[in-house]
Amino acid sequence: MNLNTIIKKLQLNVLSGQENLSIDVSSGYTSDLLSDVIANSKEKNLWITLQIHQNIIAVAKLKDLAGIIIVNNREPNEDTIEKAKEEKVPLLCTSLMAFEVSGKLYTLMNE
């Protein structure tokens, strides 16, 4: 499924990576442990997390993830947003909890 479609259906806010919103998402991956994401996520997964520090951008690039959804109304600092813009990583946010976003994304991906 196309990332742009997911953004619209889940009403996500886009903070960066506008040039890469047409990417196809293979699945989702929900975790707050960077080491877990590095070990277990797959290329083009959409990562769901509450982490907001700059290291999430490095992990997304390393694993070639489709993007990052930050949950619970958490706001990354300006350094994180700037790094995401530099690396062209779609950085998205929502007020929903990780459980809700994961369930909604799973449903969308399996329609």
N, C-alpha and C. Protein backbone atom coordinates (compact mmCIF):
# COMPACT_ATOMS: atom_id res chain seq x y z
N MET A 1 0.85 -1.17 0.00
CA MET A 1 0.00 0.00 0.00
C MET A 1 0.89 1.24 0.00
N ASN A 2 0.46 2.23 -0.68
CA ASN A 2 1.17 3.50 -0.83
C ASN A 2 1.14 4.30 0.49
N LEU A 3 2.28 4.90 0.85
CA LEU A 3 2.37 5.66 2.10
C LEU A 3 1.40 6.84 2.12
N ASN A 4 1.22 7.49 1.00
CA ASN A 4 0.27 8.61 0.93
C ASN A 4 -1.14 8.17 1.32
N THR A 5 -1.54 7.00 0.86
CA THR A 5 -2.86 6.46 1.19
C THR A 5 -2.98 6.21 2.68
N ILE A 6 -1.94 5.63 3.27
CA ILE A 6 -1.93 5.37 4.71
C ILE A 6 -2.04 6.67 5.49
N ILE A 7 -1.30 7.68 5.08
CA ILE A 7 -1.32 8.98 5.75
C ILE A 7 -2.74 9.55 5.76
N LYS A 8 -3.40 9.48 4.61
CA LYS A 8 -4.77 10.01 4.51
C LYS A 8 -5.74 9.20 5.36
N LYS A 9 -5.67 7.88 5.26
CA LYS A 9 -6.63 7.04 5.97
C LYS A 9 -6.45 7.09 7.48
N LEU A 10 -5.21 7.23 7.94
CA LEU A 10 -4.95 7.28 9.39
C LEU A 10 -4.86 8.72 9.91
N GLN A 11 -5.02 9.68 9.01
CA GLN A 11 -4.98 11.10 9.36
C GLN A 11 -3.69 11.46 10.12
N LEU A 12 -2.56 11.09 9.52
CA LEU A 12 -1.26 11.35 10.12
C LEU A 12 -0.76 12.73 9.72
N ASN A 13 0.01 13.36 10.58
CA ASN A 13 0.65 14.64 10.28
C ASN A 13 2.04 14.36 9.73
N VAL A 14 2.38 15.01 8.64
CA VAL A 14 3.67 14.81 7.99
C VAL A 14 4.63 15.90 8.45
N LEU A 15 5.76 15.48 9.03
CA LEU A 15 6.77 16.43 9.51
C LEU A 15 7.95 16.53 8.55
N SER A 16 8.19 15.48 7.78
CA SER A 16 9.30 15.49 6.83
C SER A 16 9.11 14.36 5.81
N GLY A 17 9.98 14.39 4.79
CA GLY A 17 9.99 13.31 3.80
C GLY A 17 8.91 13.40 2.76
N GLN A 18 8.38 14.60 2.53
CA GLN A 18 7.29 14.77 1.57
C GLN A 18 7.64 14.21 0.19
N GLU A 19 8.93 14.23 -0.15
CA GLU A 19 9.34 13.75 -1.47
C GLU A 19 9.28 12.22 -1.60
N ASN A 20 9.06 11.52 -0.48
CA ASN A 20 9.03 10.05 -0.51
C ASN A 20 7.69 9.46 -0.08
N LEU A 21 6.62 10.22 -0.19
CA LEU A 21 5.32 9.73 0.27
C LEU A 21 4.64 8.78 -0.71
N SER A 22 5.19 8.63 -1.90
CA SER A 22 4.59 7.72 -2.87
C SER A 22 5.16 6.30 -2.74
N ILE A 23 6.03 6.08 -1.77
CA ILE A 23 6.66 4.78 -1.57
C ILE A 23 5.62 3.74 -1.17
N ASP A 24 5.85 2.50 -1.60
CA ASP A 24 4.97 1.40 -1.19
C ASP A 24 5.46 0.84 0.14
N VAL A 25 4.55 0.65 1.06
CA VAL A 25 4.84 0.12 2.39
C VAL A 25 4.61 -1.39 2.35
N SER A 26 5.60 -2.16 2.84
CA SER A 26 5.47 -3.62 2.82
C SER A 26 4.65 -4.13 4.00
N SER A 27 4.78 -3.47 5.16
CA SER A 27 4.10 -3.88 6.38
C SER A 27 4.40 -2.85 7.45
N GLY A 28 4.00 -3.12 8.67
CA GLY A 28 4.32 -2.25 9.78
C GLY A 28 5.20 -2.97 10.78
N TYR A 29 5.87 -2.20 11.61
CA TYR A 29 6.67 -2.77 12.70
C TYR A 29 6.54 -1.84 13.89
N THR A 30 6.10 -2.37 15.03
CA THR A 30 5.89 -1.56 16.22
C THR A 30 6.89 -1.95 17.29
N SER A 31 7.72 -1.00 17.69
CA SER A 31 8.68 -1.24 18.76
C SER A 31 9.27 0.09 19.20
N ASP A 32 9.68 0.15 20.46
CA ASP A 32 10.35 1.33 20.99
C ASP A 32 11.83 1.06 21.27
N LEU A 33 12.27 -0.17 21.01
CA LEU A 33 13.67 -0.52 21.20
C LEU A 33 14.39 -0.48 19.86
N LEU A 34 15.36 0.42 19.73
CA LEU A 34 16.08 0.55 18.47
C LEU A 34 16.76 -0.75 18.07
N SER A 35 17.34 -1.46 19.03
CA SER A 35 18.01 -2.71 18.72
C SER A 35 17.03 -3.75 18.17
N ASP A 36 15.81 -3.75 18.66
CA ASP A 36 14.79 -4.66 18.16
C ASP A 36 14.42 -4.31 16.73
N VAL A 37 14.28 -3.04 16.43
CA VAL A 37 13.94 -2.59 15.08
C VAL A 37 15.08 -2.97 14.11
N ILE A 38 16.31 -2.76 14.55
CA ILE A 38 17.46 -3.12 13.71
C ILE A 38 17.47 -4.63 13.44
N ALA A 39 17.19 -5.42 14.45
CA ALA A 39 17.26 -6.88 14.32
C ALA A 39 16.07 -7.48 13.56
N ASN A 40 14.89 -6.87 13.66
CA ASN A 40 13.69 -7.57 13.19
C ASN A 40 12.83 -6.86 12.15
N SER A 41 13.00 -5.57 11.96
CA SER A 41 12.16 -4.91 10.95
C SER A 41 12.66 -5.27 9.55
N LYS A 42 11.80 -5.07 8.58
CA LYS A 42 12.12 -5.41 7.19
C LYS A 42 12.08 -4.15 6.33
N GLU A 43 12.76 -4.23 5.20
CA GLU A 43 12.77 -3.13 4.25
C GLU A 43 11.34 -2.70 3.90
N LYS A 44 11.13 -1.41 3.85
CA LYS A 44 9.85 -0.77 3.51
C LYS A 44 8.77 -0.94 4.58
N ASN A 45 9.15 -1.42 5.78
CA ASN A 45 8.20 -1.41 6.90
C ASN A 45 7.96 0.03 7.33
N LEU A 46 6.79 0.29 7.87
CA LEU A 46 6.46 1.57 8.47
C LEU A 46 6.59 1.38 9.98
N TRP A 47 7.54 2.07 10.58
CA TRP A 47 7.88 1.89 11.99
C TRP A 47 7.00 2.75 12.87
N ILE A 48 6.37 2.13 13.87
CA ILE A 48 5.51 2.80 14.83
C ILE A 48 6.24 2.82 16.17
N THR A 49 6.43 4.02 16.74
CA THR A 49 7.20 4.16 17.96
C THR A 49 6.81 5.42 18.73
N LEU A 50 7.23 5.47 19.99
CA LEU A 50 7.07 6.71 20.76
C LEU A 50 8.41 7.42 20.92
N GLN A 51 9.47 6.84 20.39
CA GLN A 51 10.79 7.47 20.45
C GLN A 51 10.81 8.74 19.60
N ILE A 52 11.51 9.76 20.08
CA ILE A 52 11.53 11.04 19.36
C ILE A 52 12.93 11.59 19.12
N HIS A 53 13.96 10.85 19.53
CA HIS A 53 15.32 11.35 19.40
C HIS A 53 15.88 11.07 18.00
N GLN A 54 17.00 11.71 17.70
CA GLN A 54 17.60 11.65 16.37
C GLN A 54 18.00 10.25 15.90
N ASN A 55 18.29 9.36 16.81
CA ASN A 55 18.74 8.02 16.44
C ASN A 55 17.68 7.24 15.65
N ILE A 56 16.41 7.61 15.79
CA ILE A 56 15.38 6.89 15.03
C ILE A 56 15.57 7.10 13.53
N ILE A 57 16.10 8.24 13.14
CA ILE A 57 16.32 8.53 11.73
C ILE A 57 17.44 7.63 11.19
N ALA A 58 18.50 7.47 11.97
CA ALA A 58 19.61 6.59 11.57
C ALA A 58 19.13 5.15 11.40
N VAL A 59 18.28 4.69 12.31
CA VAL A 59 17.76 3.32 12.21
C VAL A 59 16.87 3.18 10.97
N ALA A 60 16.04 4.15 10.72
CA ALA A 60 15.16 4.10 9.53
C ALA A 60 15.99 4.03 8.25
N LYS A 61 17.07 4.80 8.18
CA LYS A 61 17.94 4.78 7.00
C LYS A 61 18.68 3.44 6.89
N LEU A 62 19.20 2.97 8.00
CA LEU A 62 19.93 1.71 8.03
C LEU A 62 19.09 0.55 7.50
N LYS A 63 17.82 0.51 7.91
CA LYS A 63 16.92 -0.59 7.55
C LYS A 63 16.08 -0.30 6.30
N ASP A 64 16.27 0.85 5.69
CA ASP A 64 15.51 1.27 4.51
C ASP A 64 14.00 1.17 4.78
N LEU A 65 13.59 1.75 5.90
CA LEU A 65 12.18 1.74 6.28
C LEU A 65 11.40 2.76 5.45
N ALA A 66 10.11 2.53 5.29
CA ALA A 66 9.25 3.42 4.52
C ALA A 66 9.01 4.74 5.24
N GLY A 67 9.14 4.72 6.56
CA GLY A 67 8.90 5.92 7.35
C GLY A 67 8.72 5.57 8.81
N ILE A 68 8.49 6.61 9.60
CA ILE A 68 8.32 6.46 11.05
C ILE A 68 7.05 7.18 11.47
N ILE A 69 6.23 6.50 12.26
CA ILE A 69 5.06 7.13 12.87
C ILE A 69 5.35 7.28 14.36
N ILE A 70 5.33 8.52 14.83
CA ILE A 70 5.50 8.80 16.26
C ILE A 70 4.11 8.95 16.87
N VAL A 71 3.86 8.21 17.94
CA VAL A 71 2.52 8.13 18.54
C VAL A 71 2.39 8.97 19.80
N ASN A 72 1.19 8.98 20.36
CA ASN A 72 0.87 9.60 21.66
C ASN A 72 1.09 11.11 21.70
N ASN A 73 0.91 11.77 20.57
CA ASN A 73 1.10 13.22 20.53
C ASN A 73 2.51 13.66 20.90
N ARG A 74 3.47 12.75 20.83
CA ARG A 74 4.86 13.12 21.15
C ARG A 74 5.42 13.90 19.97
N GLU A 75 6.21 14.90 20.29
CA GLU A 75 6.78 15.76 19.25
C GLU A 75 8.29 15.65 19.27
N PRO A 76 8.88 15.28 18.13
CA PRO A 76 10.34 15.22 18.08
C PRO A 76 10.92 16.62 18.16
N ASN A 77 12.16 16.72 18.67
CA ASN A 77 12.78 18.04 18.73
C ASN A 77 13.20 18.46 17.32
N GLU A 78 13.58 19.69 17.20
CA GLU A 78 13.91 20.26 15.89
C GLU A 78 15.08 19.54 15.23
N ASP A 79 16.05 19.08 16.03
CA ASP A 79 17.19 18.35 15.48
C ASP A 79 16.75 17.07 14.79
N THR A 80 15.80 16.38 15.38
CA THR A 80 15.29 15.14 14.78
C THR A 80 14.57 15.43 13.48
N ILE A 81 13.75 16.45 13.47
CA ILE A 81 13.02 16.82 12.25
C ILE A 81 14.00 17.24 11.16
N GLU A 82 15.01 18.01 11.51
CA GLU A 82 16.01 18.45 10.53
C GLU A 82 16.78 17.26 9.95
N LYS A 83 17.14 16.31 10.81
CA LYS A 83 17.86 15.10 10.34
C LYS A 83 16.96 14.30 9.40
N ALA A 84 15.67 14.19 9.74
CA ALA A 84 14.73 13.47 8.88
C ALA A 84 14.62 14.16 7.52
N LYS A 85 14.60 15.48 7.52
CA LYS A 85 14.54 16.23 6.26
C LYS A 85 15.81 16.00 5.43
N GLU A 86 16.97 16.05 6.08
CA GLU A 86 18.24 15.81 5.39
C GLU A 86 18.27 14.43 4.74
N GLU A 87 17.80 13.45 5.48
CA GLU A 87 17.85 12.06 5.03
C GLU A 87 16.63 11.66 4.19
N LYS A 88 15.68 12.59 4.05
CA LYS A 88 14.45 12.37 3.29
C LYS A 88 13.63 11.18 3.83
N VAL A 89 13.61 11.08 5.15
CA VAL A 89 12.84 10.03 5.83
C VAL A 89 11.46 10.58 6.17
N PRO A 90 10.39 9.93 5.71
CA PRO A 90 9.05 10.37 6.11
C PRO A 90 8.87 10.21 7.62
N LEU A 91 8.69 11.33 8.29
CA LEU A 91 8.48 11.36 9.73
C LEU A 91 7.06 11.84 9.94
N LEU A 92 6.25 11.00 10.57
CA LEU A 92 4.82 11.25 10.72
C LEU A 92 4.46 11.23 12.20
N CYS A 93 3.38 11.85 12.57
CA CYS A 93 2.96 11.80 13.97
C CYS A 93 1.44 11.72 14.07
N THR A 94 1.01 11.25 15.24
CA THR A 94 -0.42 11.06 15.51
C THR A 94 -0.67 11.16 17.00
N SER A 95 -1.91 11.43 17.35
CA SER A 95 -2.31 11.44 18.76
C SER A 95 -2.68 10.04 19.24
N LEU A 96 -2.84 9.11 18.31
CA LEU A 96 -3.23 7.75 18.68
C LEU A 96 -2.11 7.02 19.41
N MET A 97 -2.51 5.99 20.18
CA MET A 97 -1.54 5.12 20.85
C MET A 97 -0.99 4.12 19.84
N ALA A 98 0.16 3.55 20.13
CA ALA A 98 0.80 2.58 19.25
C ALA A 98 -0.14 1.40 18.95
N PHE A 99 -0.87 0.95 19.95
CA PHE A 99 -1.80 -0.17 19.78
C PHE A 99 -2.86 0.16 18.72
N GLU A 100 -3.41 1.36 18.81
CA GLU A 100 -4.44 1.78 17.85
C GLU A 100 -3.88 1.91 16.44
N VAL A 101 -2.73 2.56 16.31
CA VAL A 101 -2.13 2.75 14.99
C VAL A 101 -1.77 1.40 14.38
N SER A 102 -1.21 0.51 15.18
CA SER A 102 -0.83 -0.81 14.70
C SER A 102 -2.05 -1.57 14.18
N GLY A 103 -3.13 -1.53 14.94
CA GLY A 103 -4.35 -2.22 14.53
C GLY A 103 -4.95 -1.64 13.27
N LYS A 104 -4.99 -0.32 13.19
CA LYS A 104 -5.54 0.33 12.00
C LYS A 104 -4.68 0.07 10.78
N LEU A 105 -3.35 0.11 10.95
CA LEU A 105 -2.46 -0.16 9.83
C LEU A 105 -2.60 -1.61 9.37
N TYR A 106 -2.68 -2.52 10.31
CA TYR A 106 -2.86 -3.94 9.98
C TYR A 106 -4.15 -4.13 9.17
N THR A 107 -5.22 -3.51 9.61
CA THR A 107 -6.50 -3.62 8.90
C THR A 107 -6.38 -3.06 7.49
N LEU A 108 -5.78 -1.89 7.35
CA LEU A 108 -5.60 -1.28 6.02
C LEU A 108 -4.79 -2.16 5.08
N MET A 109 -3.71 -2.72 5.61
CA MET A 109 -2.80 -3.52 4.80
C MET A 109 -3.43 -4.86 4.38
N ASN A 110 -4.48 -5.26 5.08
CA ASN A 110 -5.10 -6.56 4.80
C ASN A 110 -6.50 -6.46 4.22
N GLU A 111 -6.87 -5.28 3.73
CA GLU A 111 -8.20 -5.10 3.13
C GLU A 111 -8.21 -5.72 1.74
